[in-house]
Protein backbone atom coordinates (compact mmCIF):
# COMPACT_ATOMS: atom_id res chain seq x y z
CA MET A 1 -35.77 64.57 61.61
CA THR A 2 -36.57 68.46 61.17
CA SER A 3 -37.69 69.56 57.73
CA THR A 4 -34.45 71.35 56.96
CA LYS A 5 -32.85 68.08 57.29
CA ARG A 6 -35.20 66.06 55.42
CA THR A 7 -35.06 68.69 52.41
CA ALA A 8 -31.23 68.14 52.57
CA TRP A 9 -31.12 64.69 52.45
CA CYS A 10 -33.68 64.49 49.35
CA ALA A 11 -31.25 67.29 47.54
CA LEU A 12 -28.37 65.03 48.20
CA TRP A 13 -30.20 61.97 46.71
CA LEU A 14 -31.29 63.93 43.88
CA LEU A 15 -27.68 64.85 43.24
CA ILE A 16 -26.37 61.28 43.59
CA LEU A 17 -29.55 59.57 41.58
CA VAL A 18 -30.15 62.06 38.75
CA PRO A 19 -26.65 61.88 37.23
CA ALA A 20 -27.07 57.97 37.57
CA ILE A 21 -30.33 57.55 35.75
CA MET A 22 -29.05 59.92 32.81
CA GLU A 23 -26.02 58.20 32.44
CA ALA A 24 -28.00 54.94 32.02
CA ALA A 25 -30.39 56.37 29.62
CA PRO A 26 -29.80 55.25 26.11
CA VAL A 27 -28.32 57.94 23.70
CA ALA A 28 -31.15 58.74 21.36
CA ALA A 29 -30.84 57.15 17.79
CA THR A 30 -29.99 59.41 14.96
CA VAL A 31 -30.48 59.64 11.38
CA ARG A 32 -28.32 61.59 9.02
CA SER A 33 -28.15 61.60 5.12
CA TYR A 34 -24.44 62.10 3.49
CA ARG A 35 -23.10 61.41 -0.18
CA LYS A 36 -20.53 58.41 -0.60
CA VAL A 37 -18.32 57.64 -3.29
CA MET A 38 -18.19 54.02 -4.09
CA ARG A 39 -16.40 51.79 -6.76
CA THR A 40 -19.60 51.28 -9.11
CA TYR A 41 -19.79 49.12 -12.52
CA PRO A 42 -22.96 50.87 -13.86
CA PHE A 43 -25.53 50.04 -16.02
CA SER A 44 -26.52 51.68 -19.56
CA ASP A 45 -29.36 54.10 -20.15
CA PRO A 46 -32.48 52.34 -21.00
CA ASN A 47 -33.47 50.45 -24.03
CA PRO A 48 -35.75 53.52 -26.29
CA ILE A 49 -37.96 50.67 -27.36
CA PRO A 50 -40.49 49.38 -24.70
CA VAL A 51 -40.72 45.54 -24.24
CA VAL A 52 -44.50 44.82 -24.77
CA GLY A 53 -45.02 42.20 -22.11
CA ARG A 54 -45.15 41.45 -18.46
CA ILE A 55 -42.70 44.51 -17.67
CA TYR A 56 -44.60 47.09 -19.83
CA PRO A 57 -44.62 49.99 -18.99
CA TYR A 58 -41.04 49.88 -18.19
CA PHE A 59 -37.96 50.07 -20.24
CA ARG A 60 -35.62 47.74 -20.08
CA PHE A 61 -31.44 48.14 -19.37
CA ASP A 62 -29.56 46.12 -21.44
CA GLY A 63 -25.81 47.53 -21.12
CA TYR A 64 -23.48 46.09 -18.63
CA THR A 65 -19.55 46.90 -18.02
CA ASP A 66 -16.38 45.59 -16.42
CA THR A 67 -14.89 48.65 -15.86
CA PRO A 68 -15.59 50.35 -12.77
CA VAL A 69 -16.28 53.94 -12.36
CA ASP A 70 -15.97 56.13 -8.54
CA ARG A 71 -19.59 57.49 -8.21
CA GLU A 72 -21.42 59.37 -5.47
CA TRP A 73 -24.34 57.65 -3.92
CA THR A 74 -26.98 59.18 -1.17
CA VAL A 75 -26.72 57.18 1.97
CA VAL A 76 -29.18 57.28 4.99
CA GLU A 77 -27.69 56.06 8.15
CA LEU A 78 -29.44 55.42 11.22
CA GLU A 79 -27.72 55.01 14.48
CA ASN A 80 -28.31 54.21 18.12
CA ASP A 81 -25.55 52.50 20.58
CA TYR A 82 -25.92 49.24 19.35
CA LEU A 83 -26.43 49.35 15.51
CA ARG A 84 -25.36 51.38 12.45
CA VAL A 85 -27.80 50.59 9.35
CA THR A 86 -27.25 52.31 5.89
CA VAL A 87 -29.86 52.78 3.47
CA PHE A 88 -29.35 53.47 -0.20
CA PRO A 89 -32.58 55.22 -1.75
CA GLU A 90 -31.20 55.62 -4.88
CA ILE A 91 -30.57 52.00 -5.19
CA GLY A 92 -34.11 50.70 -4.77
CA GLY A 93 -34.29 51.89 -1.24
CA LYS A 94 -32.31 48.88 -0.17
CA ILE A 95 -30.89 48.58 3.21
CA TRP A 96 -27.08 48.07 2.71
CA SER A 97 -25.35 47.07 5.58
CA ALA A 98 -26.34 46.62 9.08
CA VAL A 99 -23.33 46.35 11.76
CA GLU A 100 -23.23 45.18 15.25
CA LYS A 101 -21.13 47.96 16.67
CA SER A 102 -19.49 46.08 19.59
CA THR A 103 -18.06 43.56 17.21
CA GLY A 104 -18.00 45.64 14.06
CA ARG A 105 -19.48 43.10 11.93
CA SER A 106 -22.64 43.71 9.69
CA PHE A 107 -25.30 41.00 10.22
CA ILE A 108 -26.15 41.39 6.52
CA TYR A 109 -24.04 41.04 3.68
CA ASP A 110 -22.41 44.49 2.80
CA ASN A 111 -21.00 44.62 -0.57
CA HIS A 112 -18.43 47.25 -0.64
CA VAL A 113 -18.69 48.00 -4.38
CA VAL A 114 -21.83 48.51 -6.32
CA LYS A 115 -21.95 46.10 -9.17
CA PHE A 116 -24.80 45.76 -11.53
CA ARG A 117 -25.53 42.74 -13.42
CA ASP A 118 -28.54 41.51 -15.52
CA ILE A 119 -30.80 39.36 -13.44
CA ALA A 120 -33.70 41.37 -12.23
CA MET A 121 -37.03 42.14 -14.11
CA ARG A 122 -35.70 44.95 -16.02
CA GLY A 123 -32.16 43.87 -15.84
CA PRO A 124 -29.71 45.63 -13.34
CA TRP A 125 -29.65 44.34 -9.72
CA THR A 126 -26.88 44.02 -6.96
CA SER A 127 -25.96 41.48 -4.48
CA GLY A 128 -26.39 42.07 -0.83
CA GLY A 129 -28.13 43.87 1.75
CA ILE A 130 -31.96 43.54 2.41
CA GLU A 131 -34.11 44.23 -0.71
CA PRO A 132 -37.86 44.57 -0.44
CA ASN A 133 -39.81 43.16 -3.36
CA TYR A 134 -43.44 43.61 -4.14
CA GLY A 135 -45.74 43.13 -7.82
CA ILE A 136 -45.84 40.42 -9.63
CA ILE A 137 -42.69 38.00 -9.59
CA GLY A 138 -39.05 38.06 -8.92
CA HIS A 139 -37.05 41.19 -7.93
CA THR A 140 -39.06 44.27 -8.42
CA PRO A 141 -38.99 46.69 -11.28
CA ASN A 142 -37.54 49.08 -8.74
CA CYS A 143 -34.59 47.41 -7.01
CA ALA A 144 -31.99 49.13 -8.72
CA THR A 145 -33.54 52.53 -9.53
CA PRO A 146 -34.13 55.72 -7.32
CA VAL A 147 -37.23 55.39 -4.82
CA ASP A 148 -38.72 58.27 -2.48
CA TYR A 149 -37.80 58.80 0.92
CA GLU A 150 -38.14 60.78 3.96
CA THR A 151 -36.33 60.60 7.32
CA SER A 152 -37.81 61.19 10.77
CA THR A 153 -36.81 61.13 14.68
CA GLY A 154 -38.88 60.88 17.79
CA ASP A 155 -40.10 58.80 20.55
CA PHE A 156 -39.67 55.50 18.27
CA GLY A 157 -35.99 56.20 17.44
CA ALA A 158 -35.02 57.11 14.11
CA ARG A 159 -36.56 56.27 10.78
CA VAL A 160 -36.35 56.21 7.06
CA VAL A 161 -39.42 55.83 4.89
CA VAL A 162 -38.74 54.58 1.26
CA GLY A 163 -41.19 53.34 -1.43
CA VAL A 164 -42.59 54.10 -4.78
CA LEU A 165 -45.44 53.20 -7.17
CA ASP A 166 -45.12 49.94 -9.00
CA LEU A 167 -46.24 50.90 -12.44
CA LEU A 168 -46.99 47.18 -13.41
CA THR A 169 -49.79 46.80 -10.71
CA ARG A 170 -50.63 50.44 -10.30
CA THR A 171 -49.84 49.97 -6.17
CA PRO A 172 -47.94 51.97 -3.96
CA TRP A 173 -45.30 50.27 -1.54
CA ARG A 174 -43.67 51.85 1.43
CA LEU A 175 -41.34 50.55 3.92
CA GLU A 176 -40.64 52.27 7.12
CA ILE A 177 -37.00 51.46 8.24
CA THR A 178 -37.02 52.01 12.14
CA LEU A 179 -33.85 51.95 14.52
CA PRO A 180 -35.61 52.31 18.29
CA SER A 181 -32.98 54.13 20.58
CA ASP A 182 -32.79 51.61 23.20
CA ALA A 183 -32.85 48.12 21.09
CA ALA A 184 -30.29 46.08 19.50
CA TYR A 185 -32.47 45.45 16.38
CA PHE A 186 -34.25 47.44 13.71
CA THR A 187 -37.67 46.85 12.17
CA THR A 188 -39.17 46.94 8.73
CA ARG A 189 -43.03 47.60 8.38
CA SER A 190 -44.27 47.23 4.91
CA ILE A 191 -47.39 49.18 3.62
CA TRP A 192 -48.76 47.93 0.26
CA HIS A 193 -52.17 49.34 -0.92
CA ASN A 194 -54.10 48.37 -4.22
CA ALA A 195 -55.70 51.93 -5.04
CA THR A 196 -57.13 50.35 -8.55
CA PRO A 197 -60.64 49.09 -9.01
CA LEU A 198 -59.31 45.94 -10.02
CA GLU A 199 -57.66 42.69 -8.66
CA GLN A 200 -53.94 42.61 -8.88
CA PRO A 201 -50.92 39.96 -8.78
CA TYR A 202 -50.18 39.61 -5.16
CA TYR A 203 -46.18 38.82 -4.62
CA THR A 204 -43.82 40.17 -1.81
CA TRP A 205 -40.61 38.83 -0.63
CA MET A 206 -38.13 40.49 1.61
CA ASN A 207 -34.70 39.51 0.22
CA ALA A 208 -31.65 39.40 2.67
CA GLY A 209 -28.21 38.67 1.70
CA ILE A 210 -25.77 37.13 4.17
CA LYS A 211 -22.29 36.03 3.46
CA ALA A 212 -21.57 32.36 3.07
CA ALA A 213 -18.25 31.68 4.32
CA GLY A 214 -17.49 31.02 7.99
CA ASN A 215 -19.00 27.56 8.69
CA LEU A 216 -22.55 29.08 8.05
CA GLU A 217 -25.66 27.22 9.35
CA LEU A 218 -29.50 28.33 8.29
CA VAL A 219 -31.21 28.17 11.42
CA TYR A 220 -34.63 27.37 9.76
CA PRO A 221 -36.85 25.26 11.91
CA GLY A 222 -38.79 23.01 9.57
CA THR A 223 -39.29 19.16 8.68
CA HIS A 224 -39.36 19.44 4.70
CA HIS A 225 -38.53 21.85 1.96
CA ILE A 226 -40.47 22.59 -0.79
CA GLY A 227 -39.81 23.89 -4.14
CA HIS A 228 -41.03 26.49 -6.81
CA GLY A 229 -42.90 23.69 -8.48
CA GLY A 230 -44.25 22.13 -5.29
CA GLU A 231 -41.60 19.46 -5.00
CA VAL A 232 -41.25 18.20 -1.39
CA ALA A 233 -37.87 16.80 0.29
CA PRO A 234 -37.26 16.19 3.88
CA TRP A 235 -35.39 19.19 5.56
CA PRO A 236 -32.54 19.58 7.04
CA VAL A 237 -30.96 16.16 6.17
CA GLU A 238 -31.55 15.02 2.71
CA ALA A 239 -32.73 11.18 2.20
CA GLY A 240 -30.48 9.15 1.09
CA THR A 241 -26.99 10.97 1.47
CA GLY A 242 -27.35 12.16 4.81
CA ARG A 243 -26.34 15.78 4.12
CA ASN A 244 -27.25 18.10 6.48
CA LEU A 245 -28.43 20.79 3.85
CA ALA A 246 -28.87 23.40 7.05
CA PHE A 247 -24.80 23.96 6.40
CA TYR A 248 -23.69 25.95 3.40
CA GLU A 249 -20.72 23.64 2.97
CA GLN A 250 -22.70 20.47 2.47
CA ASN A 251 -24.64 22.05 -0.54
CA ASP A 252 -21.48 20.97 -2.76
CA PHE A 253 -23.94 19.40 -5.41
CA GLY A 254 -26.08 20.06 -8.32
CA PRO A 255 -26.92 23.46 -9.65
CA TYR A 256 -28.92 26.59 -7.54
CA LYS A 257 -30.56 25.64 -4.30
CA SER A 258 -34.00 26.79 -3.37
CA TYR A 259 -35.21 25.88 0.01
CA HIS A 260 -38.62 26.85 0.98
CA VAL A 261 -38.74 25.44 4.47
CA VAL A 262 -42.50 24.19 6.13
CA GLY A 263 -43.44 21.72 8.64
CA ARG A 264 -43.11 23.77 11.97
CA HIS A 265 -45.18 26.70 13.15
CA THR A 266 -42.48 29.30 14.17
CA GLU A 267 -41.71 32.95 14.10
CA PHE A 268 -38.35 33.41 13.18
CA PHE A 269 -35.46 32.54 11.08
CA GLY A 270 -31.89 33.15 10.86
CA ALA A 271 -28.33 32.20 10.24
CA TYR A 272 -25.25 31.07 12.45
CA TRP A 273 -21.46 31.64 11.62
CA HIS A 274 -19.78 28.95 13.88
CA ASP A 275 -16.27 30.16 12.69
CA ASP A 276 -17.04 33.77 14.04
CA ASP A 277 -19.50 32.91 16.88
CA PHE A 278 -21.90 35.36 15.23
CA GLY A 279 -25.35 35.27 13.32
CA MET A 280 -28.52 37.40 12.60
CA GLY A 281 -32.26 36.71 12.82
CA ARG A 282 -35.23 37.73 11.52
CA TYR A 283 -39.00 37.82 13.71
CA SER A 284 -42.24 38.53 12.64
CA SER A 285 -45.65 37.20 13.52
CA ARG A 286 -46.60 33.65 11.68
CA ASP A 287 -49.70 35.25 10.50
CA ASP A 288 -47.87 38.12 8.93
CA LYS A 289 -45.09 35.76 7.33
CA LEU A 290 -45.62 32.16 6.60
CA GLY A 291 -42.65 31.56 4.09
CA LYS A 292 -39.09 31.40 4.73
CA LYS A 293 -36.54 30.69 1.88
CA ALA A 294 -33.18 30.27 1.50
CA TRP A 295 -31.46 30.49 -2.02
CA ILE A 296 -27.88 29.37 -2.31
CA TRP A 297 -25.75 29.75 -5.68
CA GLY A 298 -24.31 26.36 -6.55
CA LEU A 299 -21.10 25.69 -5.15
CA SER A 300 -19.85 24.26 -8.50
CA ARG A 301 -18.35 26.73 -11.10
CA GLN A 302 -21.77 27.52 -12.73
CA GLY A 303 -22.81 29.16 -9.28
CA MET A 304 -19.37 30.59 -8.15
CA ILE A 305 -18.59 32.30 -11.16
CA TRP A 306 -21.48 34.95 -9.86
CA GLU A 307 -18.74 35.85 -6.89
CA LYS A 308 -16.88 37.53 -9.28
CA LEU A 309 -19.47 39.03 -11.46
CA LEU A 310 -21.65 40.46 -8.33
CA THR A 311 -18.47 41.58 -5.81
CA ASP A 312 -14.38 42.19 -6.20
CA ALA A 313 -13.72 41.02 -2.68
CA ASP A 314 -16.41 40.59 -0.42
CA GLY A 315 -16.79 36.67 -1.28
CA GLN A 316 -20.04 34.57 -2.02
CA TYR A 317 -23.38 34.97 -0.33
CA VAL A 318 -26.47 33.37 0.18
CA GLU A 319 -29.98 34.66 0.58
CA VAL A 320 -32.69 34.20 3.31
CA GLN A 321 -35.84 35.23 2.32
CA SER A 322 -39.50 35.68 4.13
CA GLY A 323 -43.00 35.91 2.08
CA ARG A 324 -46.60 36.32 2.91
CA LEU A 325 -47.09 33.11 1.07
CA PHE A 326 -45.50 29.77 1.83
CA ASN A 327 -43.10 29.41 -1.65
CA GLN A 328 -42.50 31.42 -4.65
CA ALA A 329 -44.61 29.51 -6.78
CA ALA A 330 -43.87 28.94 -10.67
CA GLU A 331 -46.28 30.17 -13.07
CA SER A 332 -46.55 26.75 -14.86
CA SER A 333 -46.59 24.93 -11.58
CA THR A 334 -49.79 22.23 -11.74
CA LEU A 335 -48.15 20.58 -8.26
CA THR A 336 -48.11 23.29 -5.74
CA PRO A 337 -51.00 24.54 -3.69
CA PHE A 338 -49.31 27.49 -2.83
CA LYS A 339 -50.14 29.79 -5.92
CA HIS A 340 -50.18 33.60 -6.03
CA ARG A 341 -53.25 34.76 -4.49
CA GLY A 342 -54.96 37.95 -5.99
CA PHE A 343 -54.77 41.45 -4.31
CA GLU A 344 -58.18 42.52 -4.05
CA PRO A 345 -59.17 45.88 -5.39
CA HIS A 346 -59.13 48.80 -2.63
CA SER A 347 -57.43 47.07 -0.17
CA ALA A 348 -54.08 47.23 1.89
CA ASP A 349 -51.93 45.23 4.15
CA ALA A 350 -49.00 46.01 6.72
CA TRP A 351 -46.76 43.68 8.26
CA THR A 352 -43.73 44.47 10.64
CA GLU A 353 -40.33 42.46 10.65
CA TYR A 354 -37.61 42.54 13.28
CA TRP A 355 -33.68 41.87 12.26
CA PHE A 356 -31.08 41.68 14.57
CA PRO A 357 -27.23 40.30 15.36
CA VAL A 358 -26.87 37.29 17.64
CA LYS A 359 -23.47 36.76 19.36
CA GLY A 360 -21.57 34.60 21.60
CA THR A 361 -24.32 32.07 21.76
CA GLY A 362 -22.77 28.96 19.40
CA GLY A 363 -26.17 28.90 17.81
CA PHE A 364 -29.51 29.44 18.58
CA VAL A 365 -32.88 27.40 18.60
CA ASP A 366 -35.21 30.29 19.07
CA ALA A 367 -35.39 34.04 18.60
CA TYR A 368 -37.16 37.02 19.56
CA PRO A 369 -36.39 40.33 18.99
CA ARG A 370 -35.01 41.08 22.64
CA GLY A 371 -32.88 37.91 22.43
CA VAL A 372 -32.16 34.50 21.63
CA LEU A 373 -32.17 30.98 23.03
CA ASN A 374 -29.80 28.40 22.63
CA VAL A 375 -30.10 25.03 24.21
CA ILE A 376 -27.81 22.31 23.83
CA LEU A 377 -29.12 18.71 25.41
CA PRO A 378 -27.04 16.12 27.10
CA GLY A 379 -26.70 13.37 24.75
CA SER A 380 -27.91 15.55 21.88
CA MET A 381 -26.54 15.44 18.20
CA ARG A 382 -24.87 19.00 17.85
CA PRO A 383 -22.88 20.72 15.36
CA ALA A 384 -19.23 20.22 16.07
CA GLY A 385 -17.73 23.13 14.30
CA SER A 386 -16.42 21.02 11.40
CA ARG A 387 -18.28 22.10 8.52
CA GLY A 388 -21.64 20.53 9.41
CA ARG A 389 -20.60 16.95 10.80
CA ARG A 390 -22.24 15.77 13.53
CA HIS A 391 -21.00 13.87 16.69
CA MET A 392 -22.41 12.73 20.08
CA HIS A 393 -22.49 15.40 22.92
CA THR A 394 -21.08 13.74 26.29
CA PRO A 395 -23.29 14.88 29.35
CA PRO A 396 -21.06 17.57 31.11
CA SER A 397 -21.15 18.32 34.70
CA LEU A 398 -24.27 20.31 35.86
CA SER A 399 -22.30 23.62 35.87
CA ALA A 400 -20.93 23.40 32.82
CA ARG A 401 -24.32 22.33 31.60
CA ARG A 402 -25.47 25.41 33.03
CA GLN A 403 -22.87 27.45 31.24
CA ARG A 404 -23.54 26.01 27.89
CA THR A 405 -27.32 26.58 28.07
CA LEU A 406 -27.49 30.23 26.85
CA LEU A 407 -30.78 31.85 27.75
CA LYS A 408 -30.85 35.68 26.35
CA TRP A 409 -34.64 35.74 26.57
CA ARG A 410 -37.59 34.11 28.36
CA ASN A 411 -41.11 34.24 27.77
CA PRO A 412 -42.90 32.41 30.49
CA SER A 413 -45.62 30.60 28.57
CA ARG A 414 -43.21 29.52 25.58
CA ALA A 415 -40.58 28.60 28.01
CA ALA A 416 -42.91 26.25 29.83
CA ARG A 417 -43.89 24.60 26.77
CA ASN A 418 -40.33 23.93 25.92
CA ARG A 419 -39.16 22.76 29.07
CA ALA A 420 -42.29 20.35 29.19
CA GLU A 421 -41.10 19.15 25.38
CA ARG A 422 -37.61 18.75 26.86
CA LYS A 423 -38.43 16.91 29.79
CA ASP A 424 -40.54 14.28 27.49
CA GLU A 425 -37.50 14.05 25.48
CA PHE A 426 -35.26 13.21 28.37
CA ARG A 427 -37.19 10.72 29.86
CA ARG A 428 -37.35 8.84 26.47
CA SER A 429 -33.64 8.92 26.28
CA CYS A 430 -33.01 7.86 29.74
CA ALA A 431 -34.76 3.97 29.52
CA PRO A 432 -37.00 3.95 32.26
CA ARG A 433 -36.64 0.90 34.85
CA VAL A 434 -39.62 -1.16 33.67
CA LYS A 435 -40.01 -4.89 33.53
CA THR A 436 -39.52 -5.96 30.25
CA ALA A 437 -38.14 -9.34 28.72
CA ALA A 438 -35.43 -7.43 27.21
CA ARG A 439 -34.29 -4.54 29.14
CA LEU A 440 -32.44 -2.07 26.68
CA PRO A 441 -29.23 -0.37 28.27
CA CYS A 442 -29.73 3.36 29.08
CA PRO A 443 -27.58 5.64 26.79
CA ARG A 444 -25.88 7.10 29.76
CA SER A 445 -25.13 3.77 31.44
CA ARG A 446 -22.09 2.71 29.21
CA GLY A 447 -23.52 -0.70 28.37
CA ARG A 448 -25.18 -1.73 31.91
CA SER A 449 -28.96 -1.83 31.90
CA THR A 450 -29.81 0.86 34.53
CA CYS A 451 -28.42 4.69 34.48
CA SER A 452 -25.21 5.23 35.94
CA SER A 453 -26.81 8.39 37.49
CA ARG A 454 -29.81 8.39 39.63
CA ARG A 455 -29.93 11.95 38.85
CA TYR A 456 -30.46 11.44 35.52
CA CYS A 457 -33.03 8.79 35.46
CA ARG A 458 -34.97 10.60 38.38
CA ASN A 459 -35.31 13.75 35.57
CA ARG A 460 -33.93 16.37 37.77
CA LEU A 461 -33.37 18.52 34.89
CA PRO A 462 -30.72 21.31 35.33
CA TRP A 463 -33.11 23.83 33.62
């Protein structure tokens, strides 16, 4: 081929490939600020008399109303091809909503009104969104007041940084909220610094609201849950009653619920709305975030009254929280070993969390920022879409089972460990043929002493 022909062929391939590459490249993530009018139930001016105690030098806000007004709020919006995230820097820097664009659903609780009520340390607080908390205990003193913010774009995508100085501990905190251009997740990177020469209290939890309706299941791997005072109980099935506490609608007893789930070393938790076939996940290194907590208002009137107090039409919500410690220990507790540790002088901490939607998987058993995994074992007990009640799942055909095994992400080392664990569970469930005085029937043999399918007993796993 002559040099002229080679040049022509190269030019032709460039004409074909370059547009295709450019078309496949993701659109850069964007950030913009604007003013938005929202129905607001405001709070009063601060009490001019300072409260000498644990919130000093902050003032408290004591006046609230049931008469709404239309008020403009500053909104920072991050957007890429997959997600649209809004942040309200005038309300504590709260991440107000996070919408998965192909479905139009927000995978965190999106409150369409701003309804302040006397809940936080200084009083005003609003439900929904993702709220950062740093300081001594409870909702941060700045959860309903303006914080500093700055926006930027670059190779990392689009970003807004919010933060303020906590006057109780004299420690500044910053939260970097970043939306990459090519990912269906956003990250929150916390930077907290004790600039004082004194040890300060150490308390930090991320508090995310999610809607309660839709046959909600909390995906919290663990074996037990502990209370604020160190009380221990099994998780997720309650001893004595058989309630599956991971399902919201089975918590229809007693007052408010606070579950700090422990017992399994995992790096994720989340929730799934089975009626919507949609969910949310949160991931971080376990070294960064040990604690995972779920908070549920009581399903009696004691808790449900807060639905009307905190929103107009968006329904009840549940809080899913992540913390640096195992639990939010009560100040007076003598039972729990997980007391708040001190924040050493002139030290700093930083950690990153990933937040993402989940759709079309029927639930999930493992999660990672790039995807989730759901596996339903033959003969296993699984949610039946019947408000948390469980039934025996009969073995489907091989092709159907492959369709039910929803694999969105694969980490070779972890996948190998999970596969080995499933293989061991499979062997145990298939009653191996050994010479015993009393041979137990195989659970798949319908009463016979041997399995009805050699394929199962030979452990030829479909995965």
